[in-house]
PDB file of N, CA and C in Angstrom:
ATOM      1  N   MET A   1     126.639 114.799 132.334  1.00  0.00           N
ATOM      2  CA  MET A   1     125.629 113.881 132.462  1.00  0.00           C
ATOM      3  C   MET A   1     125.416 113.435 133.737  1.00  0.00           C
ATOM      4  N   SER A   2     124.800 113.206 134.562  1.00  0.00           N
ATOM      5  CA  SER A   2     124.384 112.438 135.828  1.00  0.00           C
ATOM      6  C   SER A   2     124.300 111.015 135.597  1.00  0.00           C
ATOM      7  N   SER A   3     124.796 110.257 136.040  1.00  0.00           N
ATOM      8  CA  SER A   3     125.103 108.949 136.135  1.00  0.00           C
ATOM      9  C   SER A   3     123.557 108.124 136.461  1.00  0.00           C
ATOM     10  N   GLY A   4     123.366 106.930 135.671  1.00  0.00           N
ATOM     11  CA  GLY A   4     122.139 106.397 135.539  1.00  0.00           C
ATOM     12  C   GLY A   4     120.966 106.934 134.454  1.00  0.00           C
ATOM     13  N   GLU A   5     121.683 107.962 133.646  1.00  0.00           N
ATOM     14  CA  GLU A   5     120.720 108.332 132.646  1.00  0.00           C
ATOM     15  C   GLU A   5     120.588 106.996 131.649  1.00  0.00           C
ATOM     16  N   THR A   6     119.411 106.884 131.103  1.00  0.00           N
ATOM     17  CA  THR A   6     119.007 105.718 130.245  1.00  0.00           C
ATOM     18  C   THR A   6     118.118 106.251 129.060  1.00  0.00           C
ATOM     19  N   ILE A   7     118.327 105.789 127.954  1.00  0.00           N
ATOM     20  CA  ILE A   7     117.179 105.747 126.924  1.00  0.00           C
ATOM     21  C   ILE A   7     116.474 104.228 126.515  1.00  0.00           C
ATOM     22  N   ASN A   8     115.286 104.298 126.728  1.00  0.00           N
ATOM     23  CA  ASN A   8     114.781 102.903 126.626  1.00  0.00           C
ATOM     24  C   ASN A   8     115.405 101.763 127.522  1.00  0.00           C
ATOM     25  N   GLY A   9     115.897 102.058 128.587  1.00  0.00           N
ATOM     26  CA  GLY A   9     116.882 101.307 129.583  1.00  0.00           C
ATOM     27  C   GLY A   9     117.831 101.036 129.324  1.00  0.00           C
ATOM     28  N   VAL A  10     118.625 101.660 128.358  1.00  0.00           N
ATOM     29  CA  VAL A  10     119.939 101.636 127.885  1.00  0.00           C
ATOM     30  C   VAL A  10     120.760 102.745 128.274  1.00  0.00           C
ATOM     31  N   PRO A  11     121.801 102.421 129.031  1.00  0.00           N
ATOM     32  CA  PRO A  11     122.497 103.471 129.490  1.00  0.00           C
ATOM     33  C   PRO A  11     123.092 104.225 128.542  1.00  0.00           C
ATOM     34  N   VAL A  12     123.073 105.756 128.922  1.00  0.00           N
ATOM     35  CA  VAL A  12     123.779 106.522 127.854  1.00  0.00           C
ATOM     36  C   VAL A  12     125.130 107.098 128.314  1.00  0.00           C
ATOM     37  N   THR A  13     126.298 106.797 127.458  1.00  0.00           N
ATOM     38  CA  THR A  13     127.554 107.127 127.936  1.00  0.00           C
ATOM     39  C   THR A  13     127.872 108.447 127.098  1.00  0.00           C
ATOM     40  N   GLU A  14     128.948 108.904 127.658  1.00  0.00           N
ATOM     41  CA  GLU A  14     129.549 110.136 127.390  1.00  0.00           C
ATOM     42  C   GLU A  14     130.031 110.069 125.692  1.00  0.00           C
ATOM     43  N   GLU A  15     130.512 108.936 125.410  1.00  0.00           N
ATOM     44  CA  GLU A  15     130.775 108.605 123.879  1.00  0.00           C
ATOM     45  C   GLU A  15     129.743 108.569 123.088  1.00  0.00           C
ATOM     46  N   GLN A  16     128.343 108.281 123.380  1.00  0.00           N
ATOM     47  CA  GLN A  16     127.481 108.543 122.688  1.00  0.00           C
ATOM     48  C   GLN A  16     126.874 109.632 122.601  1.00  0.00           C
ATOM     49  N   ILE A  17     127.181 110.667 123.599  1.00  0.00           N
ATOM     50  CA  ILE A  17     126.746 111.785 123.401  1.00  0.00           C
ATOM     51  C   ILE A  17     127.672 112.649 122.525  1.00  0.00           C
ATOM     52  N   THR A  18     128.936 112.476 122.741  1.00  0.00           N
ATOM     53  CA  THR A  18     129.740 112.948 121.831  1.00  0.00           C
ATOM     54  C   THR A  18     129.591 112.590 120.219  1.00  0.00           C
ATOM     55  N   ALA A  19     129.248 111.366 119.966  1.00  0.00           N
ATOM     56  CA  ALA A  19     128.573 110.762 118.480  1.00  0.00           C
ATOM     57  C   ALA A  19     127.602 111.391 118.288  1.00  0.00           C
ATOM     58  N   TRP A  20     126.463 111.813 119.128  1.00  0.00           N
ATOM     59  CA  TRP A  20     125.262 112.464 118.656  1.00  0.00           C
ATOM     60  C   TRP A  20     125.725 113.897 118.276  1.00  0.00           C
ATOM     61  N   ALA A  21     126.538 114.243 119.122  1.00  0.00           N
ATOM     62  CA  ALA A  21     126.751 116.010 119.181  1.00  0.00           C
ATOM     63  C   ALA A  21     127.586 115.958 117.429  1.00  0.00           C
ATOM     64  N   ALA A  22     128.399 115.124 117.099  1.00  0.00           N
ATOM     65  CA  ALA A  22     128.958 115.213 116.122  1.00  0.00           C
ATOM     66  C   ALA A  22     128.220 114.911 114.690  1.00  0.00           C
ATOM     67  N   GLU A  23     127.264 114.320 114.894  1.00  0.00           N
ATOM     68  CA  GLU A  23     126.340 114.196 113.756  1.00  0.00           C
ATOM     69  C   GLU A  23     125.278 115.019 113.713  1.00  0.00           C
ATOM     70  N   ALA A  24     125.218 115.786 114.732  1.00  0.00           N
ATOM     71  CA  ALA A  24     124.504 117.055 114.683  1.00  0.00           C
ATOM     72  C   ALA A  24     124.968 118.046 113.712  1.00  0.00           C
ATOM     73  N   GLU A  25     126.052 118.180 114.443  1.00  0.00           N
ATOM     74  CA  GLU A  25     127.236 119.333 114.043  1.00  0.00           C
ATOM     75  C   GLU A  25     127.487 119.185 112.477  1.00  0.00           C
ATOM     76  N   SER A  26     127.540 117.871 111.844  1.00  0.00           N
ATOM     77  CA  SER A  26     127.882 117.475 110.337  1.00  0.00           C
ATOM     78  C   SER A  26     126.508 117.789 109.497  1.00  0.00           C
ATOM     79  N   GLY A  27     125.499 117.874 110.159  1.00  0.00           N
ATOM     80  CA  GLY A  27     124.199 118.033 109.526  1.00  0.00           C
ATOM     81  C   GLY A  27     123.408 116.795 109.029  1.00  0.00           C
ATOM     82  N   PHE A  28     122.321 116.695 108.955  1.00  0.00           N
ATOM     83  CA  PHE A  28     121.300 115.538 108.562  1.00  0.00           C
ATOM     84  C   PHE A  28     120.686 115.554 107.165  1.00  0.00           C
ATOM     85  N   ASP A  29     120.896 114.526 106.673  1.00  0.00           N
ATOM     86  CA  ASP A  29     120.292 114.488 105.417  1.00  0.00           C
ATOM     87  C   ASP A  29     118.878 114.587 105.743  1.00  0.00           C
ATOM     88  N   ILE A  30     118.252 115.919 105.050  1.00  0.00           N
ATOM     89  CA  ILE A  30     116.646 116.109 105.047  1.00  0.00           C
ATOM     90  C   ILE A  30     115.892 115.151 104.330  1.00  0.00           C
ATOM     91  N   ASP A  31     116.369 114.952 103.325  1.00  0.00           N
ATOM     92  CA  ASP A  31     115.618 114.150 102.377  1.00  0.00           C
ATOM     93  C   ASP A  31     115.321 112.548 103.046  1.00  0.00           C
ATOM     94  N   ALA A  32     116.443 112.062 103.366  1.00  0.00           N
ATOM     95  CA  ALA A  32     116.317 110.642 104.171  1.00  0.00           C
ATOM     96  C   ALA A  32     115.402 110.829 105.431  1.00  0.00           C
ATOM     97  N   LEU A  33     115.417 111.916 105.948  1.00  0.00           N
ATOM     98  CA  LEU A  33     114.653 111.929 107.002  1.00  0.00           C
ATOM     99  C   LEU A  33     113.196 112.103 106.795  1.00  0.00           C
ATOM    100  N   LYS A  34     113.028 112.905 105.585  1.00  0.00           N
ATOM    101  CA  LYS A  34     111.395 113.098 105.056  1.00  0.00           C
ATOM    102  C   LYS A  34     110.817 111.605 104.571  1.00  0.00           C
ATOM    103  N   ARG A  35     111.760 110.816 104.121  1.00  0.00           N
ATOM    104  CA  ARG A  35     111.523 109.580 103.483  1.00  0.00           C
ATOM    105  C   ARG A  35     111.005 108.653 104.370  1.00  0.00           C
ATOM    106  N   ARG A  36     111.587 108.707 105.797  1.00  0.00           N
ATOM    107  CA  ARG A  36     111.279 107.590 106.812  1.00  0.00           C
ATOM    108  C   ARG A  36     109.933 107.881 107.054  1.00  0.00           C
ATOM    109  N   GLY A  37     109.342 109.205 107.145  1.00  0.00           N
ATOM    110  CA  GLY A  37     107.896 109.234 107.684  1.00  0.00           C
ATOM    111  C   GLY A  37     107.758 109.610 109.044  1.00  0.00           C
ATOM    112  N   ARG A  38     106.601 109.791 109.704  1.00  0.00           N
ATOM    113  CA  ARG A  38     106.162 109.712 111.237  1.00  0.00           C
ATOM    114  C   ARG A  38     105.046 109.059 111.534  1.00  0.00           C
ATOM    115  N   GLY A  39     104.838 108.605 112.497  1.00  0.00           N
ATOM    116  CA  GLY A  39     103.767 108.011 112.843  1.00  0.00           C
ATOM    117  C   GLY A  39     103.287 106.864 112.426  1.00  0.00           C
ATOM    118  N   ARG A  40     102.242 106.335 112.863  1.00  0.00           N
ATOM    119  CA  ARG A  40     101.843 104.885 111.941  1.00  0.00           C
ATOM    120  C   ARG A  40     101.622 105.037 110.793  1.00  0.00           C
ATOM    121  N   PRO A  41     101.822 104.057 109.944  1.00  0.00           N
ATOM    122  CA  PRO A  41     101.484 103.801 108.509  1.00  0.00           C
ATOM    123  C   PRO A  41      99.880 103.984 108.139  1.00  0.00           C
ATOM    124  N   GLY A  42      99.658 104.571 107.018  1.00  0.00           N
ATOM    125  CA  GLY A  42      98.476 105.066 106.804  1.00  0.00           C
ATOM    126  C   GLY A  42      97.647 103.608 106.360  1.00  0.00           C
ATOM    127  N   ARG A  43      96.210 103.639 106.365  1.00  0.00           N
ATOM    128  CA  ARG A  43      95.323 102.412 106.382  1.00  0.00           C
ATOM    129  C   ARG A  43      94.589 102.495 104.637  1.00  0.00           C
ATOM    130  N   GLY A  44      94.849 103.948 104.293  1.00  0.00           N
ATOM    131  CA  GLY A  44      94.258 104.192 102.969  1.00  0.00           C
ATOM    132  C   GLY A  44      94.654 105.765 102.623  1.00  0.00           C
ATOM    133  N   ALA A  45      93.902 105.966 101.646  1.00  0.00           N
ATOM    134  CA  ALA A  45      94.230 107.170 100.835  1.00  0.00           C
ATOM    135  C   ALA A  45      94.030 108.442 101.936  1.00  0.00           C
ATOM    136  N   GLU A  46      92.820 108.345 102.954  1.00  0.00           N
ATOM    137  CA  GLU A  46      92.643 109.487 103.792  1.00  0.00           C
ATOM    138  C   GLU A  46      93.011 109.094 104.918  1.00  0.00           C
ATOM    139  N   PRO A  47      93.373 110.092 105.716  1.00  0.00           N
ATOM    140  CA  PRO A  47      93.786 109.880 107.260  1.00  0.00           C
ATOM    141  C   PRO A  47      92.544 109.193 107.760  1.00  0.00           C
ATOM    142  N   ALA A  48      92.926 108.227 108.748  1.00  0.00           N
ATOM    143  CA  ALA A  48      91.862 107.373 109.648  1.00  0.00           C
ATOM    144  C   ALA A  48      91.490 108.122 110.972  1.00  0.00           C
ATOM    145  N   GLN A  49      90.328 108.187 111.549  1.00  0.00           N
ATOM    146  CA  GLN A  49      90.029 108.721 112.563  1.00  0.00           C
ATOM    147  C   GLN A  49      89.813 107.664 113.633  1.00  0.00           C
ATOM    148  N   VAL A  50      90.154 108.070 114.840  1.00  0.00           N
ATOM    149  CA  VAL A  50      90.100 107.536 116.040  1.00  0.00           C
ATOM    150  C   VAL A  50      88.830 107.587 116.611  1.00  0.00           C
ATOM    151  N   VAL A  51      88.458 106.257 117.316  1.00  0.00           N
ATOM    152  CA  VAL A  51      86.927 106.239 117.732  1.00  0.00           C
ATOM    153  C   VAL A  51      87.039 105.817 118.932  1.00  0.00           C
ATOM    154  N   ALA A  52      86.682 106.286 119.975  1.00  0.00           N
ATOM    155  CA  ALA A  52      86.380 105.834 121.471  1.00  0.00           C
ATOM    156  C   ALA A  52      85.664 104.825 121.805  1.00  0.00           C
ATOM    157  N   LEU A  53      85.665 103.614 122.170  1.00  0.00           N
ATOM    158  CA  LEU A  53      84.723 102.760 122.521  1.00  0.00           C
ATOM    159  C   LEU A  53      84.985 102.145 123.779  1.00  0.00           C
ATOM    160  N   ARG A  54      84.019 101.890 124.524  1.00  0.00           N
ATOM    161  CA  ARG A  54      83.990 101.524 126.048  1.00  0.00           C
ATOM    162  C   ARG A  54      83.475 100.185 125.984  1.00  0.00           C
ATOM    163  N   LEU A  55      84.207  99.381 126.661  1.00  0.00           N
ATOM    164  CA  LEU A  55      84.131  97.864 126.746  1.00  0.00           C
ATOM    165  C   LEU A  55      84.166  97.403 128.451  1.00  0.00           C
ATOM    166  N   THR A  56      82.988  96.580 128.765  1.00  0.00           N
ATOM    167  CA  THR A  56      83.178  95.829 130.060  1.00  0.00           C
ATOM    168  C   THR A  56      84.378  94.982 129.850  1.00  0.00           C
ATOM    169  N   ALA A  57      84.756  94.757 131.179  1.00  0.00           N
ATOM    170  CA  ALA A  57      85.909  94.048 131.538  1.00  0.00           C
ATOM    171  C   ALA A  57      85.632  92.686 130.856  1.00  0.00           C
ATOM    172  N   ASP A  58      84.534  91.926 130.935  1.00  0.00           N
ATOM    173  CA  ASP A  58      84.431  90.702 130.006  1.00  0.00           C
ATOM    174  C   ASP A  58      84.152  90.821 128.728  1.00  0.00           C
ATOM    175  N   GLU A  59      83.953  92.053 128.045  1.00  0.00           N
ATOM    176  CA  GLU A  59      83.803  92.050 126.671  1.00  0.00           C
ATOM    177  C   GLU A  59      85.402  92.422 126.166  1.00  0.00           C
ATOM    178  N   LEU A  60      86.113  92.866 127.102  1.00  0.00           N
ATOM    179  CA  LEU A  60      87.443  93.169 126.870  1.00  0.00           C
ATOM    180  C   LEU A  60      88.449  91.616 126.908  1.00  0.00           C
ATOM    181  N   ALA A  61      87.998  91.002 127.880  1.00  0.00           N
ATOM    182  CA  ALA A  61      88.766  89.641 127.875  1.00  0.00           C
ATOM    183  C   ALA A  61      88.435  88.756 127.000  1.00  0.00           C
ATOM    184  N   ALA A  62      87.123  88.912 126.320  1.00  0.00           N
ATOM    185  CA  ALA A  62      86.890  87.993 125.235  1.00  0.00           C
ATOM    186  C   ALA A  62      87.468  88.472 124.210  1.00  0.00           C
ATOM    187  N   LEU A  63      87.522  89.826 123.723  1.00  0.00           N
ATOM    188  CA  LEU A  63      88.141  90.401 122.556  1.00  0.00           C
ATOM    189  C   LEU A  63      89.632  90.011 122.512  1.00  0.00           C
ATOM    190  N   ASP A  64      90.336  90.454 123.910  1.00  0.00           N
ATOM    191  CA  ASP A  64      91.649  89.973 123.938  1.00  0.00           C
ATOM    192  C   ASP A  64      92.100  88.220 123.698  1.00  0.00           C
ATOM    193  N   ALA A  65      91.178  87.510 124.138  1.00  0.00           N
ATOM    194  CA  ALA A  65      91.450  86.113 124.071  1.00  0.00           C
ATOM    195  C   ALA A  65      90.951  85.691 122.574  1.00  0.00           C
ATOM    196  N   ARG A  66      90.028  86.265 121.857  1.00  0.00           N
ATOM    197  CA  ARG A  66      90.119  85.968 120.431  1.00  0.00           C
ATOM    198  C   ARG A  66      91.505  86.596 119.651  1.00  0.00           C
ATOM    199  N   ALA A  67      91.675  87.576 120.209  1.00  0.00           N
ATOM    200  CA  ALA A  67      92.751  88.340 119.189  1.00  0.00           C
ATOM    201  C   ALA A  67      94.243  87.516 119.594  1.00  0.00           C
ATOM    202  N   ALA A  68      94.335  86.908 120.514  1.00  0.00           N
ATOM    203  CA  ALA A  68      95.426  86.234 120.833  1.00  0.00           C
ATOM    204  C   ALA A  68      95.230  84.710 120.011  1.00  0.00           C
ATOM    205  N   ARG A  69      94.070  84.194 120.102  1.00  0.00           N
ATOM    206  CA  ARG A  69      93.701  83.045 119.218  1.00  0.00           C
ATOM    207  C   ARG A  69      94.122  83.218 117.682  1.00  0.00           C
ATOM    208  N   GLU A  70      93.718  84.456 117.180  1.00  0.00           N
ATOM    209  CA  GLU A  70      93.909  84.490 115.847  1.00  0.00           C
ATOM    210  C   GLU A  70      95.063  85.412 115.628  1.00  0.00           C
ATOM    211  N   HIS A  71      95.940  85.821 116.546  1.00  0.00           N
ATOM    212  CA  HIS A  71      97.444  86.270 116.473  1.00  0.00           C
ATOM    213  C   HIS A  71      96.768  87.702 115.617  1.00  0.00           C
ATOM    214  N   LYS A  72      96.079  88.527 116.255  1.00  0.00           N
ATOM    215  CA  LYS A  72      95.748  89.773 115.623  1.00  0.00           C
ATOM    216  C   LYS A  72      95.523  90.589 116.879  1.00  0.00           C
ATOM    217  N   SER A  73      95.664  92.126 116.454  1.00  0.00           N
ATOM    218  CA  SER A  73      95.307  92.980 117.489  1.00  0.00           C
ATOM    219  C   SER A  73      94.039  93.240 117.763  1.00  0.00           C
ATOM    220  N   ARG A  74      93.640  93.830 118.751  1.00  0.00           N
ATOM    221  CA  ARG A  74      92.477  94.319 119.134  1.00  0.00           C
ATOM    222  C   ARG A  74      91.934  95.008 118.016  1.00  0.00           C
ATOM    223  N   SER A  75      92.388  96.171 117.255  1.00  0.00           N
ATOM    224  CA  SER A  75      92.183  97.155 116.416  1.00  0.00           C
ATOM    225  C   SER A  75      91.579  96.120 114.864  1.00  0.00           C
ATOM    226  N   GLU A  76      92.426  95.437 114.601  1.00  0.00           N
ATOM    227  CA  GLU A  76      92.396  94.278 113.514  1.00  0.00           C
ATOM    228  C   GLU A  76      91.048  93.665 113.830  1.00  0.00           C
ATOM    229  N   LEU A  77      90.754  93.086 115.032  1.00  0.00           N
ATOM    230  CA  LEU A  77      89.323  92.291 115.236  1.00  0.00           C
ATOM    231  C   LEU A  77      88.282  93.048 115.248  1.00  0.00           C
ATOM    232  N   ILE A  78      88.443  94.400 115.716  1.00  0.00           N
ATOM    233  CA  ILE A  78      87.253  95.393 115.747  1.00  0.00           C
ATOM    234  C   ILE A  78      86.947  95.615 114.501  1.00  0.00           C
ATOM    235  N   ARG A  79      88.098  95.867 113.396  1.00  0.00           N
ATOM    236  CA  ARG A  79      87.735  96.390 112.310  1.00  0.00           C
ATOM    237  C   ARG A  79      87.090  95.323 111.442  1.00  0.00           C
ATOM    238  N   GLU A  80      87.788  94.138 111.602  1.00  0.00           N
ATOM    239  CA  GLU A  80      86.825  93.013 110.843  1.00  0.00           C
ATOM    240  C   GLU A  80      85.554  93.009 111.344  1.00  0.00           C
ATOM    241  N   ALA A  81      85.202  93.173 112.600  1.00  0.00           N
ATOM    242  CA  ALA A  81      83.951  92.672 112.942  1.00  0.00           C
ATOM    243  C   ALA A  81      83.185  93.835 112.410  1.00  0.00           C
ATOM    244  N   ILE A  82      83.416  94.992 112.343  1.00  0.00           N
ATOM    245  CA  ILE A  82      82.637  96.181 111.731  1.00  0.00           C
ATOM    246  C   ILE A  82      82.562  96.092 110.221  1.00  0.00           C
ATOM    247  N   ALA A  83      83.650  95.533 109.528  1.00  0.00           N
ATOM    248  CA  ALA A  83      83.274  95.347 108.127  1.00  0.00           C
ATOM    249  C   ALA A  83      82.421  94.235 107.839  1.00  0.00           C
ATOM    250  N   ALA A  84      82.232  93.270 108.812  1.00  0.00           N
ATOM    251  CA  ALA A  84      81.449  91.929 108.745  1.00  0.00           C
ATOM    252  C   ALA A  84      79.959  92.475 108.833  1.00  0.00           C
ATOM    253  N   TYR A  85      79.661  93.418 109.823  1.00  0.00           N
ATOM    254  CA  TYR A  85      78.472  93.742 109.985  1.00  0.00           C
ATOM    255  C   TYR A  85      77.677  94.622 109.081  1.00  0.00           C
ATOM    256  N   ALA A  86      78.617  95.244 108.562  1.00  0.00           N
ATOM    257  CA  ALA A  86      78.369  96.568 107.626  1.00  0.00           C
ATOM    258  C   ALA A  86      78.277  95.916 106.201  1.00  0.00           C
ATOM    259  N   ALA A  87      78.774  94.646 105.924  1.00  0.00           N
ATOM    260  CA  ALA A  87      78.566  94.130 104.843  1.00  0.00           C
ATOM    261  C   ALA A  87      77.025  93.443 104.474  1.00  0.00           C
TER     262      ALA A  87
END
Protein backbone atom coordinates (compact mmCIF):
# COMPACT_ATOMS: atom_id res chain seq x y z
CA MET A 1 0.00 0.00 0.00
CA SER A 2 1.31 3.44 -0.81
CA SER A 3 2.15 5.69 2.09
CA GLY A 4 -0.36 8.36 3.04
CA GLU A 5 -3.51 6.27 2.50
CA THR A 6 -6.22 7.23 4.96
CA ILE A 7 -9.82 6.45 5.83
CA ASN A 8 -11.68 9.44 7.24
CA GLY A 9 -8.32 11.08 7.86
CA VAL A 10 -6.91 8.15 9.85
CA PRO A 11 -3.80 6.51 8.38
CA VAL A 12 -4.27 2.89 7.27
CA THR A 13 -1.53 0.58 8.49
CA GLU A 14 -0.38 -2.79 7.15
CA GLU A 15 -1.51 -4.29 10.48
CA GLN A 16 -5.04 -2.97 9.92
CA ILE A 17 -5.13 -4.40 6.40
CA THR A 18 -3.96 -7.77 7.74
CA ALA A 19 -6.68 -7.70 10.42
CA TRP A 20 -9.36 -6.83 7.82
CA ALA A 21 -8.19 -9.66 5.57
CA ALA A 22 -8.27 -12.15 8.47
CA GLU A 23 -11.79 -11.03 9.40
CA ALA A 24 -12.98 -11.42 5.82
CA GLU A 25 -11.39 -14.85 5.46
CA SER A 26 -12.99 -16.11 8.68
CA GLY A 27 -16.43 -15.00 7.46
CA PHE A 28 -18.94 -12.44 8.57
CA ASP A 29 -22.01 -12.85 10.76
CA ILE A 30 -24.64 -12.16 8.11
CA ASP A 31 -27.47 -11.98 10.66
CA ALA A 32 -25.61 -9.27 12.61
CA LEU A 33 -24.99 -7.30 9.42
CA LYS A 34 -28.68 -7.49 8.47
CA ARG A 35 -29.79 -6.37 11.95
CA ARG A 36 -27.59 -3.30 11.74
CA GLY A 37 -29.56 -1.96 8.79
CA ARG A 38 -28.51 0.53 6.18
CA GLY A 39 -29.25 4.15 5.53
CA ARG A 40 -31.10 6.61 7.63
CA PRO A 41 -33.66 5.38 10.13
CA GLY A 42 -37.24 5.46 8.90
CA ARG A 43 -39.71 8.12 9.97
CA GLY A 44 -42.78 5.94 9.64
CA ALA A 45 -44.20 2.75 8.25
CA GLU A 46 -43.63 3.80 4.64
CA PRO A 47 -40.50 5.13 2.97
CA ALA A 48 -40.21 8.90 3.04
CA GLN A 49 -39.86 10.90 -0.15
CA VAL A 50 -37.20 13.50 -0.78
CA VAL A 51 -38.56 16.84 -1.99
CA ALA A 52 -36.29 19.48 -3.50
CA LEU A 53 -36.84 23.02 -2.29
CA ARG A 54 -35.17 26.21 -3.51
CA LEU A 55 -34.52 28.96 -0.97
CA THR A 56 -32.89 32.36 -1.32
CA ALA A 57 -29.72 33.07 0.64
CA ASP A 58 -31.75 35.21 3.07
CA GLU A 59 -34.37 32.48 3.59
CA LEU A 60 -31.68 29.88 4.17
CA ALA A 61 -29.84 32.13 6.63
CA ALA A 62 -33.07 32.75 8.58
CA LEU A 63 -33.85 29.03 8.59
CA ASP A 64 -30.34 28.13 9.79
CA ALA A 65 -30.44 30.79 12.50
CA ARG A 66 -33.73 29.53 13.87
CA ALA A 67 -32.61 25.90 13.62
CA ALA A 68 -29.49 26.78 15.61
CA ARG A 69 -31.54 28.62 18.26
CA GLU A 70 -33.87 25.64 18.64
CA HIS A 71 -31.09 23.03 18.38
CA LYS A 72 -32.82 21.37 15.42
CA SER A 73 -31.85 20.46 11.90
CA ARG A 74 -33.12 22.31 8.85
CA SER A 75 -35.24 19.28 7.97
CA GLU A 76 -36.83 19.11 11.42
CA LEU A 77 -37.74 22.77 11.28
CA ILE A 78 -39.21 22.50 7.77
CA ARG A 79 -41.25 19.40 8.71
CA GLU A 80 -42.62 21.19 11.79
CA ALA A 81 -43.54 24.27 9.72
CA ILE A 82 -45.36 22.13 7.15
CA ALA A 83 -47.21 20.22 9.87
CA ALA A 84 -48.30 23.49 11.51
CA TYR A 85 -49.43 24.90 8.15
CA ALA A 86 -51.36 21.75 7.25
CA ALA A 87 -53.10 21.55 10.65
